[in-house]
Amino acid sequence: MTKKELIDKIAKDAKLSKSAACKALDGVIGGISSALKKGDKVTLVGFGTFSTAKRAARTVRNPQTGKPMKVAAKRVPKFKAGAGLKKAVK
C-alpha cells in the first residue's frame, strides 16, 4: 500500500476530505519522527511501539574491493509489533 492509497483509505473510513486525511497522516508521521529524534518511545496500544536503538561502530568489508571499511556508530529506528497487529496479520 502506498501513501496515496493509505490517504484514500483514511479519507473514506473517517469520512474526511483527502486533503484533511493527508494532513492527519503527515501529522502522525511527523509526531512519531520528532519523538524518536528526541529519543522518546512511541507506543500505540494494539499496534506497536516505535523506538530507537544504538548501533555500535564496526568494521565491514567492501564487496567490490575486499578492503575493510569503518562504519560509524549511529542511532536507528526500531518497531516492535503489538499483540493486536500480530493477531490481525496471523
C-alpha atoms as a PDB file:
ATOM      1  CA  MET A   1       0.000   0.000   0.000  1.00  0.00           C
ATOM      2  CA  THR A   2       1.358   3.392  -0.960  1.00  0.00           C
ATOM      3  CA  LYS A   3       0.942   6.627   0.995  1.00  0.00           C
ATOM      4  CA  LYS A   4      -1.686   7.779  -1.533  1.00  0.00           C
ATOM      5  CA  GLU A   5      -3.679   4.573  -1.081  1.00  0.00           C
ATOM      6  CA  LEU A   6      -3.463   4.934   2.705  1.00  0.00           C
ATOM      7  CA  ILE A   7      -4.708   8.538   2.495  1.00  0.00           C
ATOM      8  CA  ASP A   8      -7.623   7.384   0.327  1.00  0.00           C
ATOM      9  CA  LYS A   9      -8.493   4.672   2.893  1.00  0.00           C
ATOM     10  CA  ILE A  10      -8.290   7.114   5.826  1.00  0.00           C
ATOM     11  CA  ALA A  11     -10.462   9.655   3.962  1.00  0.00           C
ATOM     12  CA  LYS A  12     -13.094   7.021   3.158  1.00  0.00           C
ATOM     13  CA  ASP A  13     -13.171   5.380   6.615  1.00  0.00           C
ATOM     14  CA  ALA A  14     -13.168   8.653   8.602  1.00  0.00           C
ATOM     15  CA  LYS A  15     -15.396  10.495   6.089  1.00  0.00           C
ATOM     16  CA  LEU A  16     -12.783  13.222   5.629  1.00  0.00           C
ATOM     17  CA  SER A  17     -11.566  15.053   2.575  1.00  0.00           C
ATOM     18  CA  LYS A  18      -8.379  13.701   1.046  1.00  0.00           C
ATOM     19  CA  SER A  19      -6.501  16.877   1.991  1.00  0.00           C
ATOM     20  CA  ALA A  20      -7.607  16.548   5.643  1.00  0.00           C
ATOM     21  CA  ALA A  21      -6.617  12.868   5.660  1.00  0.00           C
ATOM     22  CA  CYS A  22      -3.227  13.785   4.183  1.00  0.00           C
ATOM     23  CA  LYS A  23      -2.664  16.432   6.880  1.00  0.00           C
ATOM     24  CA  ALA A  24      -3.676  13.940   9.577  1.00  0.00           C
ATOM     25  CA  LEU A  25      -1.308  11.257   8.276  1.00  0.00           C
ATOM     26  CA  ASP A  26       1.537  13.767   7.901  1.00  0.00           C
ATOM     27  CA  GLY A  27       0.873  14.923  11.477  1.00  0.00           C
ATOM     28  CA  VAL A  28       1.082  11.377  12.836  1.00  0.00           C
ATOM     29  CA  ILE A  29       4.267  10.608  10.906  1.00  0.00           C
ATOM     30  CA  GLY A  30       5.795  13.942  11.932  1.00  0.00           C
ATOM     31  CA  GLY A  31       4.895  13.390  15.575  1.00  0.00           C
ATOM     32  CA  ILE A  32       6.432   9.927  15.622  1.00  0.00           C
ATOM     33  CA  SER A  33       9.557  11.167  13.836  1.00  0.00           C
ATOM     34  CA  SER A  34      10.106  14.103  16.175  1.00  0.00           C
ATOM     35  CA  ALA A  35       9.582  11.926  19.266  1.00  0.00           C
ATOM     36  CA  LEU A  36      12.137   9.396  18.002  1.00  0.00           C
ATOM     37  CA  LYS A  37      14.555  12.213  17.181  1.00  0.00           C
ATOM     38  CA  LYS A  38      14.362  13.311  20.843  1.00  0.00           C
ATOM     39  CA  GLY A  39      14.978   9.727  21.948  1.00  0.00           C
ATOM     40  CA  ASP A  40      11.427   9.112  23.169  1.00  0.00           C
ATOM     41  CA  LYS A  41       9.441   5.924  22.666  1.00  0.00           C
ATOM     42  CA  VAL A  42       6.037   6.000  20.915  1.00  0.00           C
ATOM     43  CA  THR A  43       3.543   3.298  21.908  1.00  0.00           C
ATOM     44  CA  LEU A  44       0.288   2.796  20.014  1.00  0.00           C
ATOM     45  CA  VAL A  45      -1.620   0.247  22.075  1.00  0.00           C
ATOM     46  CA  GLY A  46      -2.667  -2.722  19.950  1.00  0.00           C
ATOM     47  CA  PHE A  47      -0.482  -1.618  17.030  1.00  0.00           C
ATOM     48  CA  GLY A  48       3.102  -1.454  18.214  1.00  0.00           C
ATOM     49  CA  THR A  49       5.991   0.513  19.658  1.00  0.00           C
ATOM     50  CA  PHE A  50       8.422   2.768  17.832  1.00  0.00           C
ATOM     51  CA  SER A  51      11.798   3.324  19.494  1.00  0.00           C
ATOM     52  CA  THR A  52      15.451   3.899  18.703  1.00  0.00           C
ATOM     53  CA  ALA A  53      18.488   1.711  19.289  1.00  0.00           C
ATOM     54  CA  LYS A  54      22.198   2.409  19.243  1.00  0.00           C
ATOM     55  CA  ARG A  55      24.180   0.569  16.596  1.00  0.00           C
ATOM     56  CA  ALA A  56      27.842   0.225  17.535  1.00  0.00           C
ATOM     57  CA  ALA A  57      30.700   1.214  15.242  1.00  0.00           C
ATOM     58  CA  ARG A  58      32.008  -1.718  13.269  1.00  0.00           C
ATOM     59  CA  THR A  59      34.365  -2.740  10.506  1.00  0.00           C
ATOM     60  CA  VAL A  60      32.868  -4.154   7.307  1.00  0.00           C
ATOM     61  CA  ARG A  61      34.339  -5.360   4.061  1.00  0.00           C
ATOM     62  CA  ASN A  62      33.707  -3.573   0.749  1.00  0.00           C
ATOM     63  CA  PRO A  63      32.239  -6.263  -1.544  1.00  0.00           C
ATOM     64  CA  GLN A  64      33.777  -4.747  -4.688  1.00  0.00           C
ATOM     65  CA  THR A  65      37.346  -4.277  -3.473  1.00  0.00           C
ATOM     66  CA  GLY A  66      37.506  -6.553  -0.437  1.00  0.00           C
ATOM     67  CA  LYS A  67      39.088  -3.740   1.620  1.00  0.00           C
ATOM     68  CA  PRO A  68      37.899  -3.179   5.193  1.00  0.00           C
ATOM     69  CA  MET A  69      35.852  -0.042   5.887  1.00  0.00           C
ATOM     70  CA  LYS A  70      34.779   1.551   9.159  1.00  0.00           C
ATOM     71  CA  VAL A  71      31.095   2.273   9.745  1.00  0.00           C
ATOM     72  CA  ALA A  72      30.394   4.886  12.408  1.00  0.00           C
ATOM     73  CA  ALA A  73      28.089   4.294  15.369  1.00  0.00           C
ATOM     74  CA  LYS A  74      24.562   5.633  14.946  1.00  0.00           C
ATOM     75  CA  ARG A  75      21.014   5.531  16.240  1.00  0.00           C
ATOM     76  CA  VAL A  76      18.488   3.605  14.168  1.00  0.00           C
ATOM     77  CA  PRO A  77      14.678   3.401  14.389  1.00  0.00           C
ATOM     78  CA  LYS A  78      13.040   0.184  15.603  1.00  0.00           C
ATOM     79  CA  PHE A  79       9.456  -1.079  15.522  1.00  0.00           C
ATOM     80  CA  LYS A  80       8.005  -3.865  17.632  1.00  0.00           C
ATOM     81  CA  ALA A  81       4.552  -5.059  16.584  1.00  0.00           C
ATOM     82  CA  GLY A  82       1.861  -5.174  19.251  1.00  0.00           C
ATOM     83  CA  ALA A  83      -0.419  -8.086  20.038  1.00  0.00           C
ATOM     84  CA  GLY A  84      -3.357  -6.655  18.082  1.00  0.00           C
ATOM     85  CA  LEU A  85      -1.288  -6.227  14.921  1.00  0.00           C
ATOM     86  CA  LYS A  86       0.232  -9.697  15.252  1.00  0.00           C
ATOM     87  CA  LYS A  87      -3.232 -11.200  15.671  1.00  0.00           C
ATOM     88  CA  ALA A  88      -4.604  -9.278  12.647  1.00  0.00           C
ATOM     89  CA  VAL A  89      -1.763 -10.466  10.401  1.00  0.00           C
ATOM     90  CA  LYS A  90      -1.994 -14.059  11.578  1.00  0.00           C
END
